[in-house]
């Protein structure tokens, strides 16, 4: 258990070093490649209700993806996590500028007083963040387990799709019993279906 956690920390640190060497232009170009693939991906195009995320460090930038979703009249759902209670609620966001507040993690999340709760079974596709992934769908997140608790609550029919820069794909993610896999990974170069 400790050995696996140590390897995860090592992978997070390696990805952080890679990100620190990427220029803003390089990240922007890679992000545009991912956005293009995502908006051509049939499951995403056909989904009316999409669970998305606001990126933190070492995750694919989602600002433009959110904007395009609003422009295309998609129902945008974002998670709000309560880390103390290990709970999550999904909230429909209509306006990123007015419907958000800062979370316990220090990143914007939807304000439950301004947004409508969306039941898990309404989510057709879930875009899952992560710091590193392997081709089997293994993922390493920020380390608090929020998405490992969220993923099993989603319907079996909901596609769990990760967005990743190609440099975030590693040979092997050490997985613990509680860690959850994603079905598909979209990078700037390819779409990876879980082996």
C-alpha atoms as a PDB file:
ATOM      1  CA  UNK A   1       0.000   0.000   0.000  1.00  0.00           C
ATOM      2  CA  UNK A   2       2.717   2.485   0.994  1.00  0.00           C
ATOM      3  CA  UNK A   3       4.799   1.401  -2.000  1.00  0.00           C
ATOM      4  CA  UNK A   4       1.882   2.151  -4.360  1.00  0.00           C
ATOM      5  CA  UNK A   5       1.286   5.549  -2.749  1.00  0.00           C
ATOM      6  CA  UNK A   6       4.991   6.337  -3.073  1.00  0.00           C
ATOM      7  CA  UNK A   7       4.893   5.481  -6.790  1.00  0.00           C
ATOM      8  CA  UNK A   8       1.855   7.705  -7.254  1.00  0.00           C
ATOM      9  CA  UNK A   9       3.657  10.619  -5.595  1.00  0.00           C
ATOM     10  CA  UNK A  10       6.637   9.989  -7.873  1.00  0.00           C
ATOM     11  CA  UNK A  11       4.393  10.010 -10.972  1.00  0.00           C
ATOM     12  CA  UNK A  12       2.664  13.227  -9.811  1.00  0.00           C
ATOM     13  CA  UNK A  13       6.064  14.866  -9.287  1.00  0.00           C
ATOM     14  CA  UNK A  14       7.297  13.750 -12.732  1.00  0.00           C
ATOM     15  CA  UNK A  15       4.178  15.125 -14.434  1.00  0.00           C
ATOM     16  CA  UNK A  16       4.542  18.397 -12.500  1.00  0.00           C
ATOM     17  CA  UNK A  17       8.133  18.733 -13.789  1.00  0.00           C
ATOM     18  CA  UNK A  18       6.957  18.094 -17.362  1.00  0.00           C
ATOM     19  CA  UNK A  19       4.240  20.752 -17.016  1.00  0.00           C
ATOM     20  CA  UNK A  20       6.709  23.282 -15.608  1.00  0.00           C
ATOM     21  CA  UNK A  21       8.760  22.986 -18.815  1.00  0.00           C
ATOM     22  CA  UNK A  22       5.814  23.529 -21.181  1.00  0.00           C
ATOM     23  CA  UNK A  23       5.299  27.032 -22.537  1.00  0.00           C
ATOM     24  CA  UNK A  24       1.873  28.672 -22.542  1.00  0.00           C
ATOM     25  CA  UNK A  25       1.859  28.424 -26.358  1.00  0.00           C
ATOM     26  CA  UNK A  26       2.694  24.712 -26.212  1.00  0.00           C
ATOM     27  CA  UNK A  27      -0.107  24.035 -23.703  1.00  0.00           C
ATOM     28  CA  UNK A  28      -2.525  26.099 -25.803  1.00  0.00           C
ATOM     29  CA  UNK A  29      -1.693  24.161 -28.996  1.00  0.00           C
ATOM     30  CA  UNK A  30      -2.045  20.791 -27.238  1.00  0.00           C
ATOM     31  CA  UNK A  31      -5.322  21.893 -25.611  1.00  0.00           C
ATOM     32  CA  UNK A  32      -6.751  22.916 -28.991  1.00  0.00           C
ATOM     33  CA  UNK A  33      -5.913  19.446 -30.344  1.00  0.00           C
ATOM     34  CA  UNK A  34      -7.770  17.814 -27.435  1.00  0.00           C
ATOM     35  CA  UNK A  35     -10.750  20.164 -27.839  1.00  0.00           C
ATOM     36  CA  UNK A  36     -10.983  19.329 -31.551  1.00  0.00           C
ATOM     37  CA  UNK A  37     -11.004  15.583 -30.857  1.00  0.00           C
ATOM     38  CA  UNK A  38     -13.532  15.971 -28.021  1.00  0.00           C
ATOM     39  CA  UNK A  39     -15.961  18.012 -30.137  1.00  0.00           C
ATOM     40  CA  UNK A  40     -15.724  15.396 -32.919  1.00  0.00           C
ATOM     41  CA  UNK A  41     -16.202  12.482 -30.473  1.00  0.00           C
ATOM     42  CA  UNK A  42     -19.672  11.040 -31.159  1.00  0.00           C
ATOM     43  CA  UNK A  43     -20.507  10.214 -27.522  1.00  0.00           C
ATOM     44  CA  UNK A  44     -19.769  13.804 -26.518  1.00  0.00           C
ATOM     45  CA  UNK A  45     -21.492  15.400 -29.506  1.00  0.00           C
ATOM     46  CA  UNK A  46     -24.687  13.377 -28.922  1.00  0.00           C
ATOM     47  CA  UNK A  47     -24.771  13.878 -25.134  1.00  0.00           C
ATOM     48  CA  UNK A  48     -27.096  16.622 -23.968  1.00  0.00           C
ATOM     49  CA  UNK A  49     -25.995  16.479 -20.306  1.00  0.00           C
ATOM     50  CA  UNK A  50     -22.245  16.448 -19.734  1.00  0.00           C
ATOM     51  CA  UNK A  51     -20.330  16.323 -16.472  1.00  0.00           C
ATOM     52  CA  UNK A  52     -17.244  18.492 -16.850  1.00  0.00           C
ATOM     53  CA  UNK A  53     -14.623  19.945 -14.521  1.00  0.00           C
ATOM     54  CA  UNK A  54     -12.708  23.139 -13.824  1.00  0.00           C
ATOM     55  CA  UNK A  55      -9.051  22.293 -14.204  1.00  0.00           C
ATOM     56  CA  UNK A  56      -6.415  22.680 -11.532  1.00  0.00           C
ATOM     57  CA  UNK A  57      -2.642  22.457 -12.011  1.00  0.00           C
ATOM     58  CA  UNK A  58      -1.385  19.584 -14.193  1.00  0.00           C
ATOM     59  CA  UNK A  59      -4.808  18.954 -15.755  1.00  0.00           C
ATOM     60  CA  UNK A  60      -6.070  19.702 -19.258  1.00  0.00           C
ATOM     61  CA  UNK A  61      -7.344  23.290 -19.417  1.00  0.00           C
ATOM     62  CA  UNK A  62     -11.146  23.273 -19.719  1.00  0.00           C
ATOM     63  CA  UNK A  63     -12.125  26.949 -19.985  1.00  0.00           C
ATOM     64  CA  UNK A  64     -12.689  26.921 -23.736  1.00  0.00           C
ATOM     65  CA  UNK A  65     -14.418  23.523 -23.601  1.00  0.00           C
ATOM     66  CA  UNK A  66     -16.930  24.907 -21.102  1.00  0.00           C
ATOM     67  CA  UNK A  67     -17.491  27.978 -23.284  1.00  0.00           C
ATOM     68  CA  UNK A  68     -18.113  25.829 -26.376  1.00  0.00           C
ATOM     69  CA  UNK A  69     -20.556  23.658 -24.423  1.00  0.00           C
ATOM     70  CA  UNK A  70     -22.563  26.728 -23.427  1.00  0.00           C
ATOM     71  CA  UNK A  71     -22.415  27.996 -27.028  1.00  0.00           C
ATOM     72  CA  UNK A  72     -23.746  24.603 -28.242  1.00  0.00           C
ATOM     73  CA  UNK A  73     -26.599  24.617 -25.682  1.00  0.00           C
ATOM     74  CA  UNK A  74     -25.296  21.589 -23.801  1.00  0.00           C
ATOM     75  CA  UNK A  75     -26.388  21.100 -20.203  1.00  0.00           C
ATOM     76  CA  UNK A  76     -23.172  21.715 -18.265  1.00  0.00           C
ATOM     77  CA  UNK A  77     -22.894  19.885 -14.964  1.00  0.00           C
ATOM     78  CA  UNK A  78     -20.038  20.469 -12.524  1.00  0.00           C
ATOM     79  CA  UNK A  79     -19.335  18.658  -9.249  1.00  0.00           C
ATOM     80  CA  UNK A  80     -19.296  20.271  -5.810  1.00  0.00           C
ATOM     81  CA  UNK A  81     -17.313  18.223  -3.281  1.00  0.00           C
ATOM     82  CA  UNK A  82     -17.615  18.214   0.497  1.00  0.00           C
ATOM     83  CA  UNK A  83     -14.283  16.701   1.520  1.00  0.00           C
ATOM     84  CA  UNK A  84     -15.158  16.416   5.236  1.00  0.00           C
ATOM     85  CA  UNK A  85     -18.276  14.362   4.535  1.00  0.00           C
ATOM     86  CA  UNK A  86     -16.854  12.588   1.454  1.00  0.00           C
ATOM     87  CA  UNK A  87     -19.909  13.756  -0.488  1.00  0.00           C
ATOM     88  CA  UNK A  88     -20.456  15.142  -3.956  1.00  0.00           C
ATOM     89  CA  UNK A  89     -23.419  16.802  -5.608  1.00  0.00           C
ATOM     90  CA  UNK A  90     -23.757  17.539  -9.302  1.00  0.00           C
ATOM     91  CA  UNK A  91     -24.986  21.003 -10.201  1.00  0.00           C
ATOM     92  CA  UNK A  92     -26.216  22.495 -13.479  1.00  0.00           C
ATOM     93  CA  UNK A  93     -24.235  25.625 -14.281  1.00  0.00           C
ATOM     94  CA  UNK A  94     -25.717  28.254 -16.581  1.00  0.00           C
ATOM     95  CA  UNK A  95     -23.061  30.942 -16.210  1.00  0.00           C
ATOM     96  CA  UNK A  96     -19.452  30.340 -15.135  1.00  0.00           C
ATOM     97  CA  UNK A  97     -19.037  33.972 -14.020  1.00  0.00           C
ATOM     98  CA  UNK A  98     -22.060  34.148 -11.712  1.00  0.00           C
ATOM     99  CA  UNK A  99     -22.780  30.547 -10.630  1.00  0.00           C
ATOM    100  CA  UNK A 100     -19.417  29.715  -9.068  1.00  0.00           C
ATOM    101  CA  UNK A 101     -17.627  30.026  -5.723  1.00  0.00           C
ATOM    102  CA  UNK A 102     -14.234  28.832  -4.442  1.00  0.00           C
ATOM    103  CA  UNK A 103     -14.098  25.291  -3.055  1.00  0.00           C
ATOM    104  CA  UNK A 104     -12.155  23.847  -0.131  1.00  0.00           C
ATOM    105  CA  UNK A 105      -9.464  22.928  -2.695  1.00  0.00           C
ATOM    106  CA  UNK A 106      -9.211  26.578  -3.773  1.00  0.00           C
ATOM    107  CA  UNK A 107     -10.629  26.026  -7.252  1.00  0.00           C
ATOM    108  CA  UNK A 108     -13.962  27.315  -8.559  1.00  0.00           C
ATOM    109  CA  UNK A 109     -16.942  25.029  -8.138  1.00  0.00           C
ATOM    110  CA  UNK A 110     -20.677  25.585  -8.577  1.00  0.00           C
ATOM    111  CA  UNK A 111     -22.548  27.392  -5.812  1.00  0.00           C
ATOM    112  CA  UNK A 112     -25.340  25.138  -4.525  1.00  0.00           C
ATOM    113  CA  UNK A 113     -27.460  28.222  -3.712  1.00  0.00           C
ATOM    114  CA  UNK A 114     -27.410  29.352  -7.357  1.00  0.00           C
ATOM    115  CA  UNK A 115     -27.453  26.052  -9.265  1.00  0.00           C
ATOM    116  CA  UNK A 116     -29.953  23.242  -9.689  1.00  0.00           C
ATOM    117  CA  UNK A 117     -29.007  19.727  -8.476  1.00  0.00           C
ATOM    118  CA  UNK A 118     -28.819  17.181 -11.280  1.00  0.00           C
ATOM    119  CA  UNK A 119     -29.330  13.489 -10.413  1.00  0.00           C
ATOM    120  CA  UNK A 120     -26.396  11.220 -11.321  1.00  0.00           C
ATOM    121  CA  UNK A 121     -28.554   9.153 -13.684  1.00  0.00           C
ATOM    122  CA  UNK A 122     -29.055  12.201 -15.954  1.00  0.00           C
ATOM    123  CA  UNK A 123     -25.336  12.410 -16.821  1.00  0.00           C
ATOM    124  CA  UNK A 124     -24.730  10.934 -20.275  1.00  0.00           C
ATOM    125  CA  UNK A 125     -20.976  11.514 -20.431  1.00  0.00           C
ATOM    126  CA  UNK A 126     -18.537  12.325 -17.640  1.00  0.00           C
ATOM    127  CA  UNK A 127     -15.304  14.139 -18.400  1.00  0.00           C
ATOM    128  CA  UNK A 128     -12.959  13.060 -15.605  1.00  0.00           C
ATOM    129  CA  UNK A 129      -9.830  15.022 -14.659  1.00  0.00           C
ATOM    130  CA  UNK A 130      -6.506  13.462 -13.760  1.00  0.00           C
ATOM    131  CA  UNK A 131      -2.798  14.076 -13.505  1.00  0.00           C
ATOM    132  CA  UNK A 132      -1.620  10.846 -15.147  1.00  0.00           C
ATOM    133  CA  UNK A 133      -3.188   7.923 -17.012  1.00  0.00           C
ATOM    134  CA  UNK A 134      -2.199   4.632 -18.595  1.00  0.00           C
ATOM    135  CA  UNK A 135      -3.646   2.925 -21.668  1.00  0.00           C
ATOM    136  CA  UNK A 136      -5.707   0.554 -19.491  1.00  0.00           C
ATOM    137  CA  UNK A 137      -7.720   3.505 -18.157  1.00  0.00           C
ATOM    138  CA  UNK A 138      -5.838   3.725 -14.865  1.00  0.00           C
ATOM    139  CA  UNK A 139      -5.674   7.251 -13.476  1.00  0.00           C
ATOM    140  CA  UNK A 140      -4.012   9.269 -10.789  1.00  0.00           C
ATOM    141  CA  UNK A 141      -5.922  12.290  -9.557  1.00  0.00           C
ATOM    142  CA  UNK A 142      -5.019  14.960  -7.045  1.00  0.00           C
ATOM    143  CA  UNK A 143      -4.904  12.406  -4.232  1.00  0.00           C
ATOM    144  CA  UNK A 144      -8.056  13.163  -2.232  1.00  0.00           C
ATOM    145  CA  UNK A 145     -10.116  10.375  -3.828  1.00  0.00           C
ATOM    146  CA  UNK A 146     -13.006  12.648  -4.846  1.00  0.00           C
ATOM    147  CA  UNK A 147     -13.420  11.195  -8.332  1.00  0.00           C
ATOM    148  CA  UNK A 148     -12.753   7.623  -7.155  1.00  0.00           C
ATOM    149  CA  UNK A 149     -15.875   8.048  -5.004  1.00  0.00           C
ATOM    150  CA  UNK A 150     -17.844   9.825  -7.763  1.00  0.00           C
ATOM    151  CA  UNK A 151     -17.179   7.426 -10.666  1.00  0.00           C
ATOM    152  CA  UNK A 152     -18.978   4.373  -9.162  1.00  0.00           C
ATOM    153  CA  UNK A 153     -22.064   6.516  -8.432  1.00  0.00           C
ATOM    154  CA  UNK A 154     -22.493   7.303 -12.133  1.00  0.00           C
ATOM    155  CA  UNK A 155     -24.695   4.989 -14.203  1.00  0.00           C
ATOM    156  CA  UNK A 156     -22.921   2.076 -15.911  1.00  0.00           C
ATOM    157  CA  UNK A 157     -24.081   3.537 -19.239  1.00  0.00           C
ATOM    158  CA  UNK A 158     -22.319   6.872 -18.611  1.00  0.00           C
ATOM    159  CA  UNK A 159     -19.066   7.047 -20.566  1.00  0.00           C
ATOM    160  CA  UNK A 160     -16.174   8.042 -18.295  1.00  0.00           C
ATOM    161  CA  UNK A 161     -13.797  10.007 -20.517  1.00  0.00           C
ATOM    162  CA  UNK A 162     -10.499  11.562 -19.480  1.00  0.00           C
ATOM    163  CA  UNK A 163      -8.759  14.434 -21.209  1.00  0.00           C
ATOM    164  CA  UNK A 164      -4.960  14.246 -21.110  1.00  0.00           C
ATOM    165  CA  UNK A 165      -1.938  15.690 -22.792  1.00  0.00           C
ATOM    166  CA  UNK A 166       0.117  12.945 -24.403  1.00  0.00           C
ATOM    167  CA  UNK A 167       2.871  13.674 -21.853  1.00  0.00           C
ATOM    168  CA  UNK A 168       0.443  12.599 -19.079  1.00  0.00           C
ATOM    169  CA  UNK A 169       0.194   9.066 -20.463  1.00  0.00           C
ATOM    170  CA  UNK A 170       2.549   6.769 -18.563  1.00  0.00           C
ATOM    171  CA  UNK A 171       3.335   3.100 -19.027  1.00  0.00           C
ATOM    172  CA  UNK A 172       1.656   1.908 -15.830  1.00  0.00           C
ATOM    173  CA  UNK A 173      -0.481   3.476 -13.112  1.00  0.00           C
ATOM    174  CA  UNK A 174      -0.271   1.546  -9.830  1.00  0.00           C
ATOM    175  CA  UNK A 175      -3.898   1.031  -8.800  1.00  0.00           C
ATOM    176  CA  UNK A 176      -5.292   0.375  -5.336  1.00  0.00           C
ATOM    177  CA  UNK A 177      -8.616  -1.371  -4.648  1.00  0.00           C
ATOM    178  CA  UNK A 178     -10.496   1.934  -4.286  1.00  0.00           C
ATOM    179  CA  UNK A 179      -9.040   3.477  -7.484  1.00  0.00           C
ATOM    180  CA  UNK A 180     -11.406   3.710 -10.451  1.00  0.00           C
ATOM    181  CA  UNK A 181     -10.698   3.469 -14.170  1.00  0.00           C
ATOM    182  CA  UNK A 182     -11.892   5.644 -17.048  1.00  0.00           C
ATOM    183  CA  UNK A 183     -13.266   4.140 -20.273  1.00  0.00           C
ATOM    184  CA  UNK A 184     -11.609   6.422 -22.816  1.00  0.00           C
ATOM    185  CA  UNK A 185      -8.757   8.940 -22.875  1.00  0.00           C
ATOM    186  CA  UNK A 186      -8.613  11.758 -25.411  1.00  0.00           C
ATOM    187  CA  UNK A 187      -5.202  13.333 -26.041  1.00  0.00           C
ATOM    188  CA  UNK A 188      -4.006  15.844 -28.608  1.00  0.00           C
ATOM    189  CA  UNK A 189      -2.751  12.915 -30.728  1.00  0.00           C
ATOM    190  CA  UNK A 190      -5.237  10.065 -30.304  1.00  0.00           C
ATOM    191  CA  UNK A 191      -8.254   8.522 -28.625  1.00  0.00           C
ATOM    192  CA  UNK A 192      -7.340   5.636 -26.327  1.00  0.00           C
ATOM    193  CA  UNK A 193      -9.995   3.035 -25.590  1.00  0.00           C
ATOM    194  CA  UNK A 194      -9.450   1.081 -22.383  1.00  0.00           C
ATOM    195  CA  UNK A 195      -7.684  -2.180 -23.185  1.00  0.00           C
END
